[in-house]
Amino acid sequence: MAVDPTATLHLVFSSEGLTQCRARCAAGDFIVLCENGVYTAGRIGDLPVPCHLLAEDAAQRGVDDPGGPVTPIDRTQLVALTLATARSVSWR
């Protein structure tokens, strides 16, 4: 996976975390909704960055159809994104 080495991986764990992340994500970044952050999938809207959610976390919380422009990924894909970005930030 070729990713801009200045890209940031934003890990969103809550509704408040999504609000904080929105203010700081930039083009070229990635967002992954984790744990209770999967509940915010329908609120992603038109962010200018790719948004993913951990499929395992969504399944555990009964989020069958996340809605919005969100792509489910597994833990292996999360690791690949982590390795392909310059830094990561957790929003709780």
N, C-alpha and C. Protein backbone atom coordinates (compact mmCIF):
# COMPACT_ATOMS: atom_id res chain seq x y z
N MET A 1 0.85 -1.18 0.00
CA MET A 1 0.00 0.00 0.00
C MET A 1 0.89 1.23 0.00
N ALA A 2 0.76 2.05 -1.02
CA ALA A 2 1.54 3.28 -1.11
C ALA A 2 0.76 4.41 -0.46
N VAL A 3 1.33 4.97 0.57
CA VAL A 3 0.67 6.04 1.32
C VAL A 3 1.66 7.17 1.53
N ASP A 4 1.16 8.37 1.53
CA ASP A 4 1.99 9.54 1.80
C ASP A 4 2.65 9.38 3.17
N PRO A 5 3.98 9.46 3.26
CA PRO A 5 4.66 9.27 4.54
C PRO A 5 4.35 10.36 5.57
N THR A 6 3.67 11.40 5.16
CA THR A 6 3.26 12.43 6.13
C THR A 6 1.83 12.20 6.61
N ALA A 7 1.19 11.14 6.12
CA ALA A 7 -0.21 10.86 6.48
C ALA A 7 -0.32 10.46 7.94
N THR A 8 -1.48 10.79 8.52
CA THR A 8 -1.79 10.43 9.89
C THR A 8 -2.95 9.45 9.89
N LEU A 9 -2.85 8.43 10.74
CA LEU A 9 -3.93 7.49 10.96
C LEU A 9 -4.68 7.94 12.20
N HIS A 10 -5.96 8.27 12.05
CA HIS A 10 -6.79 8.73 13.16
C HIS A 10 -7.65 7.56 13.64
N LEU A 11 -7.46 7.13 14.87
CA LEU A 11 -8.25 6.05 15.46
C LEU A 11 -9.32 6.69 16.33
N VAL A 12 -10.58 6.51 15.96
CA VAL A 12 -11.70 7.17 16.63
C VAL A 12 -12.45 6.14 17.48
N PHE A 13 -12.56 6.42 18.78
CA PHE A 13 -13.16 5.48 19.73
C PHE A 13 -14.50 5.95 20.30
N SER A 14 -14.97 7.16 19.93
CA SER A 14 -16.21 7.67 20.53
C SER A 14 -16.77 8.79 19.66
N SER A 15 -17.97 9.21 20.01
CA SER A 15 -18.62 10.33 19.32
C SER A 15 -17.81 11.61 19.52
N GLU A 16 -17.39 11.86 20.74
CA GLU A 16 -16.56 13.04 21.02
C GLU A 16 -15.24 12.96 20.25
N GLY A 17 -14.70 11.76 20.15
CA GLY A 17 -13.46 11.58 19.40
C GLY A 17 -13.63 11.94 17.94
N LEU A 18 -14.78 11.58 17.35
CA LEU A 18 -15.03 11.93 15.96
C LEU A 18 -15.08 13.45 15.79
N THR A 19 -15.72 14.13 16.71
CA THR A 19 -15.80 15.59 16.65
C THR A 19 -14.40 16.20 16.68
N GLN A 20 -13.55 15.72 17.57
CA GLN A 20 -12.18 16.23 17.67
C GLN A 20 -11.37 15.89 16.42
N CYS A 21 -11.56 14.69 15.92
CA CYS A 21 -10.83 14.24 14.73
C CYS A 21 -11.19 15.10 13.52
N ARG A 22 -12.47 15.38 13.35
CA ARG A 22 -12.93 16.19 12.21
C ARG A 22 -12.18 17.52 12.11
N ALA A 23 -11.89 18.11 13.25
CA ALA A 23 -11.22 19.41 13.27
C ALA A 23 -9.74 19.31 12.90
N ARG A 24 -9.19 18.11 12.91
CA ARG A 24 -7.74 18.00 12.74
C ARG A 24 -7.28 17.09 11.61
N CYS A 25 -8.20 16.37 10.97
CA CYS A 25 -7.75 15.50 9.88
C CYS A 25 -7.53 16.33 8.62
N ALA A 26 -6.61 15.87 7.81
CA ALA A 26 -6.24 16.60 6.60
C ALA A 26 -6.21 15.64 5.41
N ALA A 27 -6.24 16.20 4.23
CA ALA A 27 -6.17 15.38 3.03
C ALA A 27 -4.95 14.47 3.10
N GLY A 28 -5.14 13.22 2.71
CA GLY A 28 -4.06 12.24 2.76
C GLY A 28 -4.10 11.39 4.01
N ASP A 29 -4.89 11.79 5.02
CA ASP A 29 -5.01 11.02 6.26
C ASP A 29 -6.02 9.89 6.10
N PHE A 30 -6.13 9.06 7.12
CA PHE A 30 -7.09 7.96 7.16
C PHE A 30 -7.78 7.98 8.52
N ILE A 31 -9.05 7.58 8.55
CA ILE A 31 -9.79 7.44 9.80
C ILE A 31 -10.21 5.99 9.94
N VAL A 32 -10.04 5.43 11.14
CA VAL A 32 -10.57 4.10 11.45
C VAL A 32 -11.42 4.22 12.70
N LEU A 33 -12.68 3.80 12.59
CA LEU A 33 -13.60 3.78 13.72
C LEU A 33 -13.39 2.47 14.47
N CYS A 34 -13.09 2.58 15.77
CA CYS A 34 -12.78 1.41 16.60
C CYS A 34 -13.69 1.38 17.82
N GLU A 35 -13.88 0.19 18.38
CA GLU A 35 -14.68 -0.01 19.59
C GLU A 35 -16.00 0.75 19.46
N ASN A 36 -16.36 1.61 20.43
CA ASN A 36 -17.64 2.33 20.37
C ASN A 36 -17.67 3.41 19.28
N GLY A 37 -16.53 3.69 18.70
CA GLY A 37 -16.49 4.64 17.58
C GLY A 37 -17.26 4.14 16.37
N VAL A 38 -17.49 2.82 16.26
CA VAL A 38 -18.25 2.30 15.12
C VAL A 38 -19.68 2.83 15.10
N TYR A 39 -20.20 3.24 16.26
CA TYR A 39 -21.55 3.79 16.31
C TYR A 39 -21.65 5.13 15.57
N THR A 40 -20.53 5.78 15.31
CA THR A 40 -20.54 7.09 14.65
C THR A 40 -20.46 6.98 13.12
N ALA A 41 -20.45 5.78 12.58
CA ALA A 41 -20.27 5.59 11.14
C ALA A 41 -21.28 6.38 10.31
N GLY A 42 -22.50 6.47 10.77
CA GLY A 42 -23.52 7.20 10.04
C GLY A 42 -23.35 8.70 10.06
N ARG A 43 -22.42 9.20 10.87
CA ARG A 43 -22.18 10.64 10.99
C ARG A 43 -20.93 11.10 10.24
N ILE A 44 -20.31 10.21 9.49
CA ILE A 44 -19.07 10.56 8.81
C ILE A 44 -19.29 11.69 7.81
N GLY A 45 -20.37 11.62 7.06
CA GLY A 45 -20.67 12.68 6.11
C GLY A 45 -19.67 12.73 4.97
N ASP A 46 -19.25 13.91 4.62
CA ASP A 46 -18.40 14.10 3.45
C ASP A 46 -16.96 14.47 3.82
N LEU A 47 -16.39 13.75 4.74
CA LEU A 47 -14.99 14.01 5.08
C LEU A 47 -14.11 13.77 3.86
N PRO A 48 -13.08 14.56 3.68
CA PRO A 48 -12.23 14.43 2.50
C PRO A 48 -11.16 13.35 2.62
N VAL A 49 -11.34 12.44 3.56
CA VAL A 49 -10.35 11.38 3.78
C VAL A 49 -11.07 10.03 3.82
N PRO A 50 -10.36 8.94 3.47
CA PRO A 50 -10.97 7.61 3.55
C PRO A 50 -11.32 7.25 5.01
N CYS A 51 -12.49 6.67 5.18
CA CYS A 51 -12.93 6.26 6.51
C CYS A 51 -13.21 4.77 6.52
N HIS A 52 -12.69 4.10 7.53
CA HIS A 52 -12.86 2.66 7.70
C HIS A 52 -13.41 2.39 9.08
N LEU A 53 -13.94 1.18 9.28
CA LEU A 53 -14.27 0.75 10.63
C LEU A 53 -13.83 -0.68 10.80
N LEU A 54 -13.48 -1.01 12.03
CA LEU A 54 -13.07 -2.39 12.31
C LEU A 54 -14.32 -3.27 12.28
N ALA A 55 -14.35 -4.20 11.33
CA ALA A 55 -15.50 -5.07 11.14
C ALA A 55 -15.80 -5.88 12.40
N GLU A 56 -14.76 -6.34 13.08
CA GLU A 56 -14.94 -7.12 14.31
C GLU A 56 -15.65 -6.30 15.39
N ASP A 57 -15.25 -5.06 15.56
CA ASP A 57 -15.89 -4.19 16.56
C ASP A 57 -17.34 -3.91 16.18
N ALA A 58 -17.60 -3.69 14.89
CA ALA A 58 -18.97 -3.44 14.44
C ALA A 58 -19.85 -4.66 14.70
N ALA A 59 -19.34 -5.84 14.39
CA ALA A 59 -20.11 -7.07 14.61
C ALA A 59 -20.41 -7.29 16.09
N GLN A 60 -19.43 -7.04 16.94
CA GLN A 60 -19.63 -7.22 18.38
C GLN A 60 -20.67 -6.26 18.93
N ARG A 61 -20.87 -5.12 18.28
CA ARG A 61 -21.81 -4.10 18.77
C ARG A 61 -23.12 -4.10 17.98
N GLY A 62 -23.29 -5.08 17.09
CA GLY A 62 -24.53 -5.19 16.34
C GLY A 62 -24.71 -4.12 15.28
N VAL A 63 -23.63 -3.54 14.82
CA VAL A 63 -23.69 -2.53 13.76
C VAL A 63 -23.52 -3.28 12.43
N ASP A 64 -24.67 -3.71 11.87
CA ASP A 64 -24.64 -4.51 10.65
C ASP A 64 -24.44 -3.66 9.40
N ASP A 65 -25.11 -2.53 9.34
CA ASP A 65 -25.00 -1.63 8.19
C ASP A 65 -24.53 -0.29 8.72
N PRO A 66 -23.22 -0.02 8.63
CA PRO A 66 -22.69 1.19 9.24
C PRO A 66 -23.22 2.47 8.62
N GLY A 67 -23.67 2.42 7.39
CA GLY A 67 -24.14 3.63 6.73
C GLY A 67 -22.97 4.55 6.40
N GLY A 68 -23.24 5.50 5.57
CA GLY A 68 -22.19 6.44 5.21
C GLY A 68 -21.11 5.81 4.36
N PRO A 69 -20.15 6.60 3.96
CA PRO A 69 -19.05 6.14 3.11
C PRO A 69 -17.93 5.49 3.94
N VAL A 70 -18.25 4.37 4.56
CA VAL A 70 -17.30 3.70 5.46
C VAL A 70 -16.99 2.31 4.93
N THR A 71 -15.71 1.96 4.90
CA THR A 71 -15.28 0.65 4.43
C THR A 71 -14.87 -0.22 5.61
N PRO A 72 -15.50 -1.39 5.77
CA PRO A 72 -15.08 -2.30 6.84
C PRO A 72 -13.68 -2.87 6.55
N ILE A 73 -12.87 -2.97 7.60
CA ILE A 73 -11.54 -3.60 7.48
C ILE A 73 -11.35 -4.55 8.65
N ASP A 74 -10.38 -5.46 8.51
CA ASP A 74 -10.06 -6.36 9.61
C ASP A 74 -8.77 -5.88 10.28
N ARG A 75 -8.36 -6.60 11.31
CA ARG A 75 -7.17 -6.18 12.08
C ARG A 75 -5.90 -6.20 11.24
N THR A 76 -5.80 -7.14 10.32
CA THR A 76 -4.62 -7.20 9.45
C THR A 76 -4.52 -5.94 8.60
N GLN A 77 -5.66 -5.47 8.09
CA GLN A 77 -5.66 -4.24 7.30
C GLN A 77 -5.36 -3.03 8.16
N LEU A 78 -5.80 -3.06 9.42
CA LEU A 78 -5.47 -1.97 10.34
C LEU A 78 -3.96 -1.90 10.57
N VAL A 79 -3.35 -3.05 10.75
CA VAL A 79 -1.89 -3.08 10.93
C VAL A 79 -1.20 -2.51 9.69
N ALA A 80 -1.69 -2.88 8.51
CA ALA A 80 -1.09 -2.37 7.27
C ALA A 80 -1.20 -0.84 7.20
N LEU A 81 -2.36 -0.30 7.57
CA LEU A 81 -2.52 1.16 7.59
C LEU A 81 -1.58 1.81 8.61
N THR A 82 -1.44 1.17 9.75
CA THR A 82 -0.55 1.70 10.80
C THR A 82 0.89 1.77 10.29
N LEU A 83 1.32 0.73 9.61
CA LEU A 83 2.69 0.68 9.09
C LEU A 83 2.91 1.64 7.93
N ALA A 84 1.84 1.96 7.21
CA ALA A 84 1.95 2.79 6.02
C ALA A 84 1.79 4.28 6.30
N THR A 85 1.52 4.66 7.53
CA THR A 85 1.35 6.07 7.87
C THR A 85 2.48 6.52 8.80
N ALA A 86 2.76 7.80 8.77
CA ALA A 86 3.88 8.33 9.54
C ALA A 86 3.60 8.35 11.04
N ARG A 87 2.33 8.50 11.40
CA ARG A 87 1.98 8.59 12.83
C ARG A 87 0.51 8.21 12.99
N SER A 88 0.14 7.94 14.23
CA SER A 88 -1.27 7.68 14.53
C SER A 88 -1.68 8.49 15.74
N VAL A 89 -2.98 8.84 15.77
CA VAL A 89 -3.55 9.61 16.86
C VAL A 89 -4.82 8.89 17.30
N SER A 90 -4.98 8.72 18.60
CA SER A 90 -6.21 8.10 19.14
C SER A 90 -7.11 9.19 19.68
N TRP A 91 -8.37 9.15 19.26
CA TRP A 91 -9.38 10.11 19.72
C TRP A 91 -10.39 9.36 20.56
N ARG A 92 -10.41 9.64 21.86
CA ARG A 92 -11.28 8.90 22.78
C ARG A 92 -12.40 9.76 23.30
